[in-house]
């Protein structure tokens, strides 16, 4: 039998892996084939092609949706309270089950989610500016 937190981590990881694979695939498809051919024509090996030519072009394309997925995953962690894993919403639910103050505790939980989302959004802006330079 699998423990709830392990099930939550596996479920979120598989979901996120599918989205990330699609983001990277889309980013690689957006790079013109001529760029890869030019790197090969220069005689660069595969790793050097990736490091010097492909990845610098890939990062500005892939970073914004990657951070959006990170923020979405943060918000999706509230879904794991359904399986009984301890996280922010589940903790708020267990506290208001004891003291019957549902609305104040849900407001506190939503403020925590909002604060974490804003912090990640600020970090995303900084990283996007650094990559676009």
N, C-alpha and C. Protein backbone atom coordinates (compact mmCIF):
# COMPACT_ATOMS: atom_id res chain seq x y z
N UNK A 1 0.84 -1.18 0.00
CA UNK A 1 0.00 0.00 0.00
C UNK A 1 0.89 1.24 0.00
N UNK A 2 0.49 2.23 -0.75
CA UNK A 2 1.27 3.45 -0.89
C UNK A 2 0.74 4.51 0.08
N UNK A 3 1.66 5.24 0.69
CA UNK A 3 1.25 6.28 1.63
C UNK A 3 0.75 7.50 0.86
N UNK A 4 -0.15 8.29 1.44
CA UNK A 4 -0.75 9.41 0.71
C UNK A 4 0.25 10.41 0.16
N UNK A 5 1.29 10.74 0.93
CA UNK A 5 2.25 11.74 0.44
C UNK A 5 3.03 11.22 -0.76
N UNK A 6 3.36 9.92 -0.76
CA UNK A 6 4.06 9.34 -1.91
C UNK A 6 3.15 9.34 -3.14
N UNK A 7 1.88 9.03 -2.94
CA UNK A 7 0.93 9.06 -4.05
C UNK A 7 0.78 10.47 -4.60
N UNK A 8 0.78 11.45 -3.70
CA UNK A 8 0.67 12.84 -4.13
C UNK A 8 1.88 13.27 -4.94
N UNK A 9 3.06 12.91 -4.46
CA UNK A 9 4.29 13.29 -5.17
C UNK A 9 4.35 12.61 -6.53
N UNK A 10 4.02 11.34 -6.58
CA UNK A 10 4.04 10.62 -7.86
C UNK A 10 3.02 11.21 -8.83
N UNK A 11 1.83 11.48 -8.35
CA UNK A 11 0.79 12.05 -9.21
C UNK A 11 1.15 13.42 -9.75
N UNK A 12 1.62 14.30 -8.86
CA UNK A 12 2.01 15.63 -9.31
C UNK A 12 3.23 15.57 -10.24
N UNK A 13 4.18 14.69 -9.94
CA UNK A 13 5.37 14.58 -10.78
C UNK A 13 5.04 14.07 -12.18
N UNK A 14 4.17 13.08 -12.28
CA UNK A 14 3.78 12.57 -13.60
C UNK A 14 3.01 13.61 -14.40
N UNK A 15 2.12 14.32 -13.73
CA UNK A 15 1.37 15.37 -14.39
C UNK A 15 2.30 16.48 -14.89
N UNK A 16 3.23 16.88 -14.03
CA UNK A 16 4.15 17.95 -14.39
C UNK A 16 5.12 17.50 -15.48
N UNK A 17 5.54 16.25 -15.44
CA UNK A 17 6.47 15.73 -16.45
C UNK A 17 5.85 15.77 -17.84
N UNK A 18 4.57 15.45 -17.92
CA UNK A 18 3.89 15.48 -19.22
C UNK A 18 3.86 16.91 -19.78
N UNK A 19 3.53 17.86 -18.93
CA UNK A 19 3.49 19.25 -19.38
C UNK A 19 4.88 19.76 -19.74
N UNK A 20 5.89 19.41 -18.93
CA UNK A 20 7.24 19.87 -19.20
C UNK A 20 7.80 19.27 -20.49
N UNK A 21 7.49 18.03 -20.75
CA UNK A 21 7.94 17.40 -21.99
C UNK A 21 7.35 18.14 -23.18
N UNK A 22 6.10 18.53 -23.07
CA UNK A 22 5.46 19.26 -24.17
C UNK A 22 6.04 20.66 -24.33
N UNK A 23 6.38 21.31 -23.22
CA UNK A 23 6.99 22.64 -23.29
C UNK A 23 8.34 22.57 -23.97
N UNK A 24 9.17 21.60 -23.57
CA UNK A 24 10.50 21.46 -24.17
C UNK A 24 10.39 21.06 -25.63
N UNK A 25 9.46 20.16 -25.95
CA UNK A 25 9.28 19.75 -27.33
C UNK A 25 8.88 20.95 -28.20
N UNK A 26 7.96 21.75 -27.70
CA UNK A 26 7.55 22.93 -28.45
C UNK A 26 8.69 23.93 -28.62
N UNK A 27 9.49 24.08 -27.56
CA UNK A 27 10.64 24.98 -27.66
C UNK A 27 11.66 24.50 -28.67
N UNK A 28 11.93 23.20 -28.68
CA UNK A 28 12.88 22.66 -29.66
C UNK A 28 12.35 22.77 -31.08
N UNK A 29 11.05 22.58 -31.24
CA UNK A 29 10.46 22.73 -32.58
C UNK A 29 10.48 24.17 -33.07
N UNK A 30 10.56 25.12 -32.15
CA UNK A 30 10.56 26.53 -32.56
C UNK A 30 11.94 26.99 -33.05
N UNK A 31 12.97 26.24 -32.73
CA UNK A 31 14.31 26.59 -33.21
C UNK A 31 14.44 26.14 -34.66
N UNK A 32 14.89 27.04 -35.50
CA UNK A 32 14.99 26.72 -36.92
C UNK A 32 16.01 25.62 -37.16
N UNK A 33 15.67 24.75 -38.06
CA UNK A 33 16.55 23.61 -38.37
C UNK A 33 17.90 24.09 -38.89
N UNK A 34 17.93 25.22 -39.55
CA UNK A 34 19.18 25.76 -40.07
C UNK A 34 20.18 26.09 -38.97
N UNK A 35 19.69 26.43 -37.79
CA UNK A 35 20.58 26.72 -36.67
C UNK A 35 21.34 25.46 -36.27
N UNK A 36 20.63 24.36 -36.20
CA UNK A 36 21.26 23.09 -35.84
C UNK A 36 22.22 22.63 -36.94
N UNK A 37 21.83 22.82 -38.18
CA UNK A 37 22.69 22.43 -39.30
C UNK A 37 23.95 23.30 -39.33
N UNK A 38 23.81 24.59 -39.03
CA UNK A 38 24.97 25.48 -39.01
C UNK A 38 25.95 25.07 -37.91
N UNK A 39 25.41 24.69 -36.74
CA UNK A 39 26.28 24.24 -35.65
C UNK A 39 27.02 22.96 -36.05
N UNK A 40 26.33 22.06 -36.74
CA UNK A 40 26.97 20.83 -37.20
C UNK A 40 28.01 21.13 -38.28
N UNK A 41 27.71 22.11 -39.12
CA UNK A 41 28.65 22.47 -40.19
C UNK A 41 29.93 23.07 -39.64
N UNK A 42 29.86 23.69 -38.47
CA UNK A 42 31.05 24.23 -37.83
C UNK A 42 31.94 23.15 -37.23
N UNK A 43 31.43 21.92 -37.22
CA UNK A 43 32.21 20.80 -36.69
C UNK A 43 32.07 20.63 -35.19
N UNK A 44 31.05 21.22 -34.60
CA UNK A 44 30.83 21.09 -33.17
C UNK A 44 30.23 19.72 -32.86
N UNK A 45 30.65 19.12 -31.75
CA UNK A 45 30.06 17.86 -31.36
C UNK A 45 28.66 18.11 -30.78
N UNK A 46 27.92 17.05 -30.50
CA UNK A 46 26.53 17.18 -30.07
C UNK A 46 26.35 17.99 -28.80
N UNK A 47 27.21 17.75 -27.79
CA UNK A 47 27.09 18.47 -26.53
C UNK A 47 27.41 19.95 -26.72
N UNK A 48 28.44 20.27 -27.50
CA UNK A 48 28.80 21.66 -27.74
C UNK A 48 27.72 22.36 -28.56
N UNK A 49 27.13 21.66 -29.50
CA UNK A 49 26.01 22.24 -30.26
C UNK A 49 24.88 22.63 -29.32
N UNK A 50 24.54 21.72 -28.43
CA UNK A 50 23.45 21.98 -27.49
C UNK A 50 23.80 23.14 -26.57
N UNK A 51 25.02 23.13 -26.03
CA UNK A 51 25.41 24.13 -25.04
C UNK A 51 25.60 25.52 -25.64
N UNK A 52 26.16 25.60 -26.84
CA UNK A 52 26.51 26.90 -27.42
C UNK A 52 25.45 27.46 -28.37
N UNK A 53 24.66 26.61 -28.99
CA UNK A 53 23.73 27.08 -30.01
C UNK A 53 22.28 26.87 -29.62
N UNK A 54 21.93 25.65 -29.25
CA UNK A 54 20.52 25.30 -29.04
C UNK A 54 19.97 25.87 -27.73
N UNK A 55 20.64 25.58 -26.62
CA UNK A 55 20.11 25.99 -25.31
C UNK A 55 19.98 27.51 -25.18
N UNK A 56 20.95 28.31 -25.65
CA UNK A 56 20.75 29.77 -25.54
C UNK A 56 19.51 30.27 -26.31
N UNK A 57 19.16 29.60 -27.38
CA UNK A 57 17.95 29.98 -28.11
C UNK A 57 16.70 29.38 -27.47
N UNK A 58 16.86 28.26 -26.81
CA UNK A 58 15.74 27.55 -26.20
C UNK A 58 15.26 28.22 -24.91
N UNK A 59 16.19 28.73 -24.10
CA UNK A 59 15.82 29.27 -22.80
C UNK A 59 14.78 30.39 -22.84
N UNK A 60 14.93 31.42 -23.67
CA UNK A 60 13.91 32.47 -23.67
C UNK A 60 12.52 31.97 -24.07
N UNK A 61 12.48 30.88 -24.81
CA UNK A 61 11.20 30.33 -25.25
C UNK A 61 10.58 29.45 -24.16
N UNK A 62 11.41 28.70 -23.45
CA UNK A 62 10.93 27.68 -22.53
C UNK A 62 10.72 28.21 -21.10
N UNK A 63 11.47 29.21 -20.69
CA UNK A 63 11.39 29.67 -19.30
C UNK A 63 10.01 30.20 -18.91
N UNK A 64 9.36 31.07 -19.69
CA UNK A 64 8.04 31.56 -19.25
C UNK A 64 7.00 30.46 -19.02
N UNK A 65 6.79 29.52 -19.95
CA UNK A 65 5.81 28.48 -19.65
C UNK A 65 6.25 27.52 -18.54
N UNK A 66 7.56 27.36 -18.35
CA UNK A 66 8.04 26.50 -17.28
C UNK A 66 7.69 27.10 -15.92
N UNK A 67 7.91 28.39 -15.77
CA UNK A 67 7.55 29.04 -14.51
C UNK A 67 6.04 29.08 -14.32
N UNK A 68 5.30 29.26 -15.40
CA UNK A 68 3.84 29.21 -15.28
C UNK A 68 3.40 27.83 -14.78
N UNK A 69 4.05 26.78 -15.24
CA UNK A 69 3.73 25.43 -14.78
C UNK A 69 4.11 25.25 -13.31
N UNK A 70 5.22 25.85 -12.90
CA UNK A 70 5.62 25.76 -11.50
C UNK A 70 4.57 26.42 -10.60
N UNK A 71 4.09 27.58 -11.00
CA UNK A 71 3.06 28.28 -10.23
C UNK A 71 1.77 27.47 -10.24
N UNK A 72 1.42 26.90 -11.37
CA UNK A 72 0.21 26.07 -11.44
C UNK A 72 0.34 24.84 -10.55
N UNK A 73 1.54 24.24 -10.50
CA UNK A 73 1.73 23.08 -9.64
C UNK A 73 1.60 23.46 -8.18
N UNK A 74 2.09 24.64 -7.81
CA UNK A 74 1.91 25.11 -6.44
C UNK A 74 0.43 25.18 -6.09
N UNK A 75 -0.36 25.69 -7.00
CA UNK A 75 -1.80 25.79 -6.77
C UNK A 75 -2.45 24.40 -6.79
N UNK A 76 -1.93 23.50 -7.58
CA UNK A 76 -2.49 22.15 -7.66
C UNK A 76 -2.20 21.30 -6.43
N UNK A 77 -1.27 21.75 -5.59
CA UNK A 77 -1.00 20.97 -4.39
C UNK A 77 -2.22 20.92 -3.47
N UNK A 78 -3.13 21.87 -3.62
CA UNK A 78 -4.34 21.81 -2.79
C UNK A 78 -5.18 20.59 -3.13
N UNK A 79 -5.00 20.04 -4.32
CA UNK A 79 -5.77 18.85 -4.72
C UNK A 79 -5.36 17.61 -3.93
N UNK A 80 -4.16 17.58 -3.39
CA UNK A 80 -3.73 16.38 -2.68
C UNK A 80 -4.38 16.25 -1.31
N UNK A 81 -5.08 17.30 -0.88
CA UNK A 81 -5.81 17.17 0.39
C UNK A 81 -6.94 16.15 0.26
N UNK A 82 -7.37 15.88 -0.96
CA UNK A 82 -8.45 14.91 -1.20
C UNK A 82 -8.02 13.51 -0.78
N UNK A 83 -6.74 13.16 -0.98
CA UNK A 83 -6.27 11.81 -0.63
C UNK A 83 -5.74 11.74 0.79
N UNK A 84 -5.83 12.84 1.52
CA UNK A 84 -5.44 12.81 2.91
C UNK A 84 -3.99 13.13 3.19
N UNK A 85 -3.26 13.62 2.21
CA UNK A 85 -1.87 14.00 2.45
C UNK A 85 -1.85 15.36 3.14
N UNK A 86 -0.90 15.54 4.02
CA UNK A 86 -0.81 16.79 4.77
C UNK A 86 -0.16 17.86 3.91
N UNK A 87 -0.88 18.92 3.68
CA UNK A 87 -0.39 20.11 3.00
C UNK A 87 -1.18 21.29 3.53
N UNK A 88 -1.05 22.46 2.95
CA UNK A 88 -1.62 23.68 3.51
C UNK A 88 -3.14 23.60 3.67
N UNK A 89 -3.86 23.22 2.63
CA UNK A 89 -5.32 23.16 2.72
C UNK A 89 -5.77 22.08 3.70
N UNK A 90 -5.11 20.93 3.67
CA UNK A 90 -5.48 19.85 4.59
C UNK A 90 -5.26 20.28 6.04
N UNK A 91 -4.17 21.00 6.29
CA UNK A 91 -3.90 21.49 7.64
C UNK A 91 -4.98 22.47 8.08
N UNK A 92 -5.37 23.37 7.19
CA UNK A 92 -6.44 24.32 7.51
C UNK A 92 -7.75 23.57 7.79
N UNK A 93 -8.03 22.53 7.01
CA UNK A 93 -9.25 21.75 7.22
C UNK A 93 -9.23 21.04 8.57
N UNK A 94 -8.09 20.49 8.93
CA UNK A 94 -8.02 19.78 10.22
C UNK A 94 -8.14 20.75 11.39
N UNK A 95 -7.64 21.97 11.23
CA UNK A 95 -7.77 22.96 12.31
C UNK A 95 -9.21 23.44 12.44
N UNK A 96 -9.87 23.76 11.32
CA UNK A 96 -11.24 24.26 11.46
C UNK A 96 -12.22 23.14 11.79
N UNK A 97 -11.82 21.90 11.65
CA UNK A 97 -12.67 20.81 12.12
C UNK A 97 -12.70 20.78 13.65
N UNK A 98 -11.64 21.30 14.29
CA UNK A 98 -11.58 21.34 15.75
C UNK A 98 -12.20 22.60 16.33
N UNK A 99 -12.00 23.76 15.67
CA UNK A 99 -12.48 25.00 16.27
C UNK A 99 -13.66 25.64 15.54
N UNK A 100 -14.12 25.03 14.46
CA UNK A 100 -15.31 25.46 13.71
C UNK A 100 -15.20 26.89 13.15
N UNK A 101 -14.00 27.37 12.90
CA UNK A 101 -13.82 28.68 12.28
C UNK A 101 -13.34 28.47 10.83
N UNK A 102 -14.29 28.07 10.01
CA UNK A 102 -13.98 27.67 8.64
C UNK A 102 -13.48 28.83 7.80
N UNK A 103 -14.25 29.89 7.72
CA UNK A 103 -13.92 31.00 6.82
C UNK A 103 -12.58 31.65 7.17
N UNK A 104 -12.30 32.00 8.43
CA UNK A 104 -11.00 32.62 8.72
C UNK A 104 -9.81 31.73 8.33
N UNK A 105 -9.93 30.45 8.56
CA UNK A 105 -8.80 29.56 8.22
C UNK A 105 -8.66 29.39 6.71
N UNK A 106 -9.75 29.35 5.99
CA UNK A 106 -9.66 29.28 4.53
C UNK A 106 -9.10 30.57 3.95
N UNK A 107 -9.42 31.69 4.58
CA UNK A 107 -8.84 32.97 4.14
C UNK A 107 -7.33 32.97 4.37
N UNK A 108 -6.90 32.45 5.52
CA UNK A 108 -5.46 32.36 5.80
C UNK A 108 -4.77 31.46 4.78
N UNK A 109 -5.36 30.33 4.49
CA UNK A 109 -4.78 29.42 3.50
C UNK A 109 -4.70 30.08 2.13
N UNK A 110 -5.75 30.81 1.75
CA UNK A 110 -5.72 31.47 0.44
C UNK A 110 -4.68 32.58 0.40
N UNK A 111 -4.48 33.28 1.53
CA UNK A 111 -3.44 34.31 1.58
C UNK A 111 -2.06 33.68 1.43
N UNK A 112 -1.84 32.50 2.04
CA UNK A 112 -0.57 31.80 1.87
C UNK A 112 -0.35 31.41 0.41
N UNK A 113 -1.37 30.87 -0.22
CA UNK A 113 -1.24 30.52 -1.64
C UNK A 113 -0.97 31.76 -2.48
N UNK A 114 -1.65 32.86 -2.18
CA UNK A 114 -1.44 34.10 -2.91
C UNK A 114 -0.02 34.62 -2.72
N UNK A 115 0.46 34.61 -1.48
CA UNK A 115 1.81 35.09 -1.20
C UNK A 115 2.87 34.25 -1.93
N UNK A 116 2.71 32.94 -1.89
CA UNK A 116 3.66 32.07 -2.58
C UNK A 116 3.60 32.27 -4.10
N UNK A 117 2.40 32.45 -4.63
CA UNK A 117 2.26 32.69 -6.07
C UNK A 117 2.89 34.01 -6.48
N UNK A 118 2.72 35.04 -5.67
CA UNK A 118 3.32 36.34 -5.97
C UNK A 118 4.84 36.25 -5.90
N UNK A 119 5.36 35.55 -4.90
CA UNK A 119 6.81 35.40 -4.79
C UNK A 119 7.38 34.68 -6.01
N UNK A 120 6.72 33.63 -6.46
CA UNK A 120 7.19 32.91 -7.65
C UNK A 120 7.06 33.77 -8.91
N UNK A 121 6.02 34.59 -8.99
CA UNK A 121 5.84 35.47 -10.14
C UNK A 121 6.95 36.52 -10.20
N UNK A 122 7.32 37.07 -9.06
CA UNK A 122 8.42 38.05 -9.01
C UNK A 122 9.73 37.38 -9.44
N UNK A 123 9.97 36.17 -8.95
CA UNK A 123 11.17 35.44 -9.36
C UNK A 123 11.15 35.17 -10.85
N UNK A 124 9.98 34.82 -11.38
CA UNK A 124 9.85 34.55 -12.81
C UNK A 124 10.21 35.79 -13.63
N UNK A 125 9.71 36.94 -13.23
CA UNK A 125 10.04 38.17 -13.97
C UNK A 125 11.53 38.44 -13.99
N UNK A 126 12.19 38.27 -12.84
CA UNK A 126 13.62 38.49 -12.77
C UNK A 126 14.40 37.54 -13.65
N UNK A 127 14.02 36.28 -13.65
CA UNK A 127 14.71 35.29 -14.48
C UNK A 127 14.47 35.56 -15.96
N UNK A 128 13.24 35.94 -16.32
CA UNK A 128 12.95 36.24 -17.72
C UNK A 128 13.76 37.43 -18.20
N UNK A 129 13.90 38.45 -17.37
CA UNK A 129 14.72 39.62 -17.75
C UNK A 129 16.17 39.24 -17.92
N UNK A 130 16.67 38.38 -17.03
CA UNK A 130 18.09 37.97 -17.10
C UNK A 130 18.34 37.14 -18.36
N UNK A 131 17.39 36.31 -18.76
CA UNK A 131 17.59 35.45 -19.92
C UNK A 131 17.46 36.24 -21.22
N UNK A 132 16.61 37.24 -21.25
CA UNK A 132 16.40 38.00 -22.49
C UNK A 132 17.55 38.95 -22.81
N UNK A 133 18.43 39.18 -21.86
CA UNK A 133 19.55 40.09 -22.12
C UNK A 133 20.57 39.49 -23.03
